[in-house]
Amino acid sequence: MTTDYTKIGGIDYIAEVTNYVDRGDEKYIFDELSKKDVELVEEIRKKMFVFEDIVGMDNLSIQRVIREVDQKDLVYALKGAQGEVANVMFANMSARMTETIKSELEITTNVRVKDVEDAQQRIVAVVRKLEDAGQIVISKGGKDDIIV
């Protein structure tokens, strides 16, 4: 790993800042950085929280996030989500809400990728806000794992 990148704020700082960049810029940054230091990119990615990381959260935290997010954001975010993410989200909704969201997904067409990514970023922002407030815990692996 190149030490020039890690001296000033460290990998944690880079990951935190990159969490607030839109996905297009994030991809560009990582593509360019990986040309110089693939190992550094991997270390940064390990410390970042992205929408797809919701699958690793505990059910109570996911339910808390679902209650906090705007339903339209949920529909748009799930429109572009991988099957596992959608399955985890639906598993943590009431039957009525699941039916409503699935119905909205069917009738919502022609959604721009940017709108999907923006909705996912807003949901990630809610996750971060709840974590900062101590209302949920995000396990990033290693020493932060919850043992009950």
C-alpha atoms as a PDB file:
ATOM      1  CA  MET A   1       0.000   0.000   0.000  1.00  0.00           C
ATOM      2  CA  THR A   2       1.296   3.442  -0.847  1.00  0.00           C
ATOM      3  CA  THR A   3       2.005   5.340   2.351  1.00  0.00           C
ATOM      4  CA  ASP A   4       1.525   8.723   0.657  1.00  0.00           C
ATOM      5  CA  TYR A   5      -2.235   8.107   0.629  1.00  0.00           C
ATOM      6  CA  THR A   6      -2.488   6.974   4.216  1.00  0.00           C
ATOM      7  CA  LYS A   7      -0.442   9.618   6.061  1.00  0.00           C
ATOM      8  CA  ILE A   8      -2.824  12.582   6.113  1.00  0.00           C
ATOM      9  CA  GLY A   9      -6.182  11.208   7.180  1.00  0.00           C
ATOM     10  CA  GLY A  10      -5.846   7.513   6.809  1.00  0.00           C
ATOM     11  CA  ILE A  11      -7.967   4.957   5.037  1.00  0.00           C
ATOM     12  CA  ASP A  12     -10.878   5.478   7.451  1.00  0.00           C
ATOM     13  CA  TYR A  13     -11.064   9.142   6.484  1.00  0.00           C
ATOM     14  CA  ILE A  14     -10.900   8.379   2.755  1.00  0.00           C
ATOM     15  CA  ALA A  15     -13.672   5.783   3.128  1.00  0.00           C
ATOM     16  CA  GLU A  16     -15.850   8.198   5.110  1.00  0.00           C
ATOM     17  CA  VAL A  17     -15.453  10.976   2.543  1.00  0.00           C
ATOM     18  CA  THR A  18     -16.029   8.594  -0.355  1.00  0.00           C
ATOM     19  CA  ASN A  19     -19.277   7.433   1.247  1.00  0.00           C
ATOM     20  CA  TYR A  20     -20.702  10.892   0.498  1.00  0.00           C
ATOM     21  CA  VAL A  21     -19.726  10.951  -3.178  1.00  0.00           C
ATOM     22  CA  ASP A  22     -22.322   9.950  -5.768  1.00  0.00           C
ATOM     23  CA  ARG A  23     -21.826   6.512  -7.289  1.00  0.00           C
ATOM     24  CA  GLY A  24     -20.639   7.726 -10.682  1.00  0.00           C
ATOM     25  CA  ASP A  25     -17.873   9.807  -9.109  1.00  0.00           C
ATOM     26  CA  GLU A  26     -17.081   6.970  -6.699  1.00  0.00           C
ATOM     27  CA  LYS A  27     -16.592   4.586  -9.624  1.00  0.00           C
ATOM     28  CA  TYR A  28     -14.365   7.103 -11.416  1.00  0.00           C
ATOM     29  CA  ILE A  29     -12.249   7.707  -8.290  1.00  0.00           C
ATOM     30  CA  PHE A  30     -11.760   3.996  -7.676  1.00  0.00           C
ATOM     31  CA  ASP A  31     -11.058   3.238 -11.331  1.00  0.00           C
ATOM     32  CA  GLU A  32      -8.363   5.914 -11.429  1.00  0.00           C
ATOM     33  CA  LEU A  33      -6.923   5.043  -8.024  1.00  0.00           C
ATOM     34  CA  SER A  34      -6.815   1.332  -8.863  1.00  0.00           C
ATOM     35  CA  LYS A  35      -4.469   2.155 -11.757  1.00  0.00           C
ATOM     36  CA  LYS A  36      -1.926   3.204  -9.134  1.00  0.00           C
ATOM     37  CA  ASP A  37      -2.727   1.134  -6.040  1.00  0.00           C
ATOM     38  CA  VAL A  38      -5.218  -1.750  -6.205  1.00  0.00           C
ATOM     39  CA  GLU A  39      -4.489  -2.769  -2.602  1.00  0.00           C
ATOM     40  CA  LEU A  40      -5.399   0.704  -1.335  1.00  0.00           C
ATOM     41  CA  VAL A  41      -8.718   0.622  -3.240  1.00  0.00           C
ATOM     42  CA  GLU A  42      -9.559  -2.742  -1.668  1.00  0.00           C
ATOM     43  CA  GLU A  43      -8.781  -1.407   1.822  1.00  0.00           C
ATOM     44  CA  ILE A  44     -10.980   1.658   1.270  1.00  0.00           C
ATOM     45  CA  ARG A  45     -13.888  -0.428  -0.075  1.00  0.00           C
ATOM     46  CA  LYS A  46     -13.740  -2.695   2.986  1.00  0.00           C
ATOM     47  CA  LYS A  47     -14.387   0.315   5.209  1.00  0.00           C
ATOM     48  CA  MET A  48     -17.155   1.916   3.159  1.00  0.00           C
ATOM     49  CA  PHE A  49     -20.873   1.397   3.618  1.00  0.00           C
ATOM     50  CA  VAL A  50     -22.863   1.142   0.400  1.00  0.00           C
ATOM     51  CA  PHE A  51     -26.538   0.379  -0.239  1.00  0.00           C
ATOM     52  CA  GLU A  52     -25.821  -3.294  -0.918  1.00  0.00           C
ATOM     53  CA  ASP A  53     -24.300  -3.622   2.592  1.00  0.00           C
ATOM     54  CA  ILE A  54     -27.810  -3.482   4.019  1.00  0.00           C
ATOM     55  CA  VAL A  55     -27.951  -7.267   3.567  1.00  0.00           C
ATOM     56  CA  GLY A  56     -25.372  -7.598   6.350  1.00  0.00           C
ATOM     57  CA  MET A  57     -27.353  -5.574   8.874  1.00  0.00           C
ATOM     58  CA  ASP A  58     -29.467  -7.157  11.592  1.00  0.00           C
ATOM     59  CA  ASN A  59     -33.238  -7.314  11.038  1.00  0.00           C
ATOM     60  CA  LEU A  60     -34.153  -4.756  13.714  1.00  0.00           C
ATOM     61  CA  SER A  61     -31.767  -2.217  12.184  1.00  0.00           C
ATOM     62  CA  ILE A  62     -33.148  -2.830   8.697  1.00  0.00           C
ATOM     63  CA  GLN A  63     -36.699  -2.383  10.002  1.00  0.00           C
ATOM     64  CA  ARG A  64     -35.663   0.870  11.681  1.00  0.00           C
ATOM     65  CA  VAL A  65     -34.158   2.136   8.422  1.00  0.00           C
ATOM     66  CA  ILE A  66     -37.282   1.164   6.452  1.00  0.00           C
ATOM     67  CA  ARG A  67     -39.444   3.150   8.881  1.00  0.00           C
ATOM     68  CA  GLU A  68     -37.237   6.228   8.412  1.00  0.00           C
ATOM     69  CA  VAL A  69     -36.914   6.346   4.626  1.00  0.00           C
ATOM     70  CA  ASP A  70     -39.302   7.880   2.151  1.00  0.00           C
ATOM     71  CA  GLN A  71     -41.391   5.240   0.358  1.00  0.00           C
ATOM     72  CA  LYS A  72     -40.569   6.705  -3.064  1.00  0.00           C
ATOM     73  CA  ASP A  73     -36.845   6.374  -2.266  1.00  0.00           C
ATOM     74  CA  LEU A  74     -37.438   2.781  -1.254  1.00  0.00           C
ATOM     75  CA  VAL A  75     -39.187   2.024  -4.560  1.00  0.00           C
ATOM     76  CA  TYR A  76     -36.493   3.713  -6.655  1.00  0.00           C
ATOM     77  CA  ALA A  77     -33.655   2.121  -4.660  1.00  0.00           C
ATOM     78  CA  LEU A  78     -35.164  -1.342  -4.989  1.00  0.00           C
ATOM     79  CA  LYS A  79     -35.748  -0.768  -8.703  1.00  0.00           C
ATOM     80  CA  GLY A  80     -31.988  -0.976  -9.166  1.00  0.00           C
ATOM     81  CA  ALA A  81     -31.193  -3.419  -6.365  1.00  0.00           C
ATOM     82  CA  GLN A  82     -29.804  -6.908  -6.707  1.00  0.00           C
ATOM     83  CA  GLY A  83     -32.146  -9.776  -5.764  1.00  0.00           C
ATOM     84  CA  GLU A  84     -30.568 -10.413  -2.361  1.00  0.00           C
ATOM     85  CA  VAL A  85     -30.938  -6.786  -1.265  1.00  0.00           C
ATOM     86  CA  ALA A  86     -34.587  -6.697  -2.335  1.00  0.00           C
ATOM     87  CA  ASN A  87     -35.270 -10.018  -0.596  1.00  0.00           C
ATOM     88  CA  VAL A  88     -33.756  -8.800   2.679  1.00  0.00           C
ATOM     89  CA  MET A  89     -35.693  -5.544   2.500  1.00  0.00           C
ATOM     90  CA  PHE A  90     -38.999  -7.311   1.757  1.00  0.00           C
ATOM     91  CA  ALA A  91     -38.367  -9.818   4.558  1.00  0.00           C
ATOM     92  CA  ASN A  92     -38.227  -6.890   6.985  1.00  0.00           C
ATOM     93  CA  MET A  93     -41.450  -5.192   5.846  1.00  0.00           C
ATOM     94  CA  SER A  94     -45.001  -5.928   6.845  1.00  0.00           C
ATOM     95  CA  ALA A  95     -46.997  -7.954   4.323  1.00  0.00           C
ATOM     96  CA  ARG A  96     -49.035  -4.873   3.482  1.00  0.00           C
ATOM     97  CA  MET A  97     -45.975  -2.700   2.879  1.00  0.00           C
ATOM     98  CA  THR A  98     -44.317  -5.442   0.803  1.00  0.00           C
ATOM     99  CA  GLU A  99     -47.429  -5.665  -1.371  1.00  0.00           C
ATOM    100  CA  THR A 100     -47.531  -1.874  -1.783  1.00  0.00           C
ATOM    101  CA  ILE A 101     -43.840  -1.586  -2.678  1.00  0.00           C
ATOM    102  CA  LYS A 102     -43.992  -4.517  -5.124  1.00  0.00           C
ATOM    103  CA  SER A 103     -47.034  -2.962  -6.758  1.00  0.00           C
ATOM    104  CA  GLU A 104     -45.196   0.374  -7.049  1.00  0.00           C
ATOM    105  CA  LEU A 105     -42.174  -1.408  -8.533  1.00  0.00           C
ATOM    106  CA  GLU A 106     -44.364  -2.952 -11.236  1.00  0.00           C
ATOM    107  CA  ILE A 107     -45.885   0.348 -12.321  1.00  0.00           C
ATOM    108  CA  THR A 108     -42.717   2.427 -11.958  1.00  0.00           C
ATOM    109  CA  THR A 109     -40.994   2.400 -15.334  1.00  0.00           C
ATOM    110  CA  ASN A 110     -38.340   4.415 -17.125  1.00  0.00           C
ATOM    111  CA  VAL A 111     -36.422   5.320 -14.002  1.00  0.00           C
ATOM    112  CA  ARG A 112     -33.077   6.934 -14.693  1.00  0.00           C
ATOM    113  CA  VAL A 113     -30.015   5.227 -13.231  1.00  0.00           C
ATOM    114  CA  LYS A 114     -29.111   8.526 -11.552  1.00  0.00           C
ATOM    115  CA  ASP A 115     -32.499   8.578  -9.786  1.00  0.00           C
ATOM    116  CA  VAL A 116     -31.959   5.007  -8.550  1.00  0.00           C
ATOM    117  CA  GLU A 117     -28.464   5.839  -7.314  1.00  0.00           C
ATOM    118  CA  ASP A 118     -29.665   9.061  -5.658  1.00  0.00           C
ATOM    119  CA  ALA A 119     -32.416   7.156  -3.825  1.00  0.00           C
ATOM    120  CA  GLN A 120     -29.903   4.541  -2.681  1.00  0.00           C
ATOM    121  CA  GLN A 121     -27.567   7.299  -1.464  1.00  0.00           C
ATOM    122  CA  ARG A 122     -30.405   8.919   0.516  1.00  0.00           C
ATOM    123  CA  ILE A 123     -31.119   5.562   2.176  1.00  0.00           C
ATOM    124  CA  VAL A 124     -27.418   5.155   2.984  1.00  0.00           C
ATOM    125  CA  ALA A 125     -27.505   8.658   4.489  1.00  0.00           C
ATOM    126  CA  VAL A 126     -30.390   7.563   6.747  1.00  0.00           C
ATOM    127  CA  VAL A 127     -28.383   4.484   7.770  1.00  0.00           C
ATOM    128  CA  ARG A 128     -25.405   6.691   8.657  1.00  0.00           C
ATOM    129  CA  LYS A 129     -27.621   9.147  10.555  1.00  0.00           C
ATOM    130  CA  LEU A 130     -29.173   6.347  12.610  1.00  0.00           C
ATOM    131  CA  GLU A 131     -25.762   4.846  13.293  1.00  0.00           C
ATOM    132  CA  ASP A 132     -24.348   8.222  14.354  1.00  0.00           C
ATOM    133  CA  ALA A 133     -27.319   8.645  16.711  1.00  0.00           C
ATOM    134  CA  GLY A 134     -26.635   5.210  18.200  1.00  0.00           C
ATOM    135  CA  GLN A 135     -30.025   3.877  17.104  1.00  0.00           C
ATOM    136  CA  ILE A 136     -28.582   1.099  14.933  1.00  0.00           C
ATOM    137  CA  VAL A 137     -25.250  -0.698  14.724  1.00  0.00           C
ATOM    138  CA  ILE A 138     -23.523  -1.425  11.446  1.00  0.00           C
ATOM    139  CA  SER A 139     -21.149  -4.333  11.601  1.00  0.00           C
ATOM    140  CA  LYS A 140     -18.219  -3.716   9.278  1.00  0.00           C
ATOM    141  CA  GLY A 141     -16.459  -6.938  10.174  1.00  0.00           C
ATOM    142  CA  GLY A 142     -13.641  -7.570  12.565  1.00  0.00           C
ATOM    143  CA  LYS A 143     -13.677  -5.939  15.974  1.00  0.00           C
ATOM    144  CA  ASP A 144     -17.075  -4.259  15.473  1.00  0.00           C
ATOM    145  CA  ASP A 145     -18.928  -7.565  15.116  1.00  0.00           C
ATOM    146  CA  ILE A 146     -21.807  -7.905  17.531  1.00  0.00           C
ATOM    147  CA  ILE A 147     -21.653 -10.940  19.778  1.00  0.00           C
ATOM    148  CA  VAL A 148     -24.806 -11.695  21.714  1.00  0.00           C
END
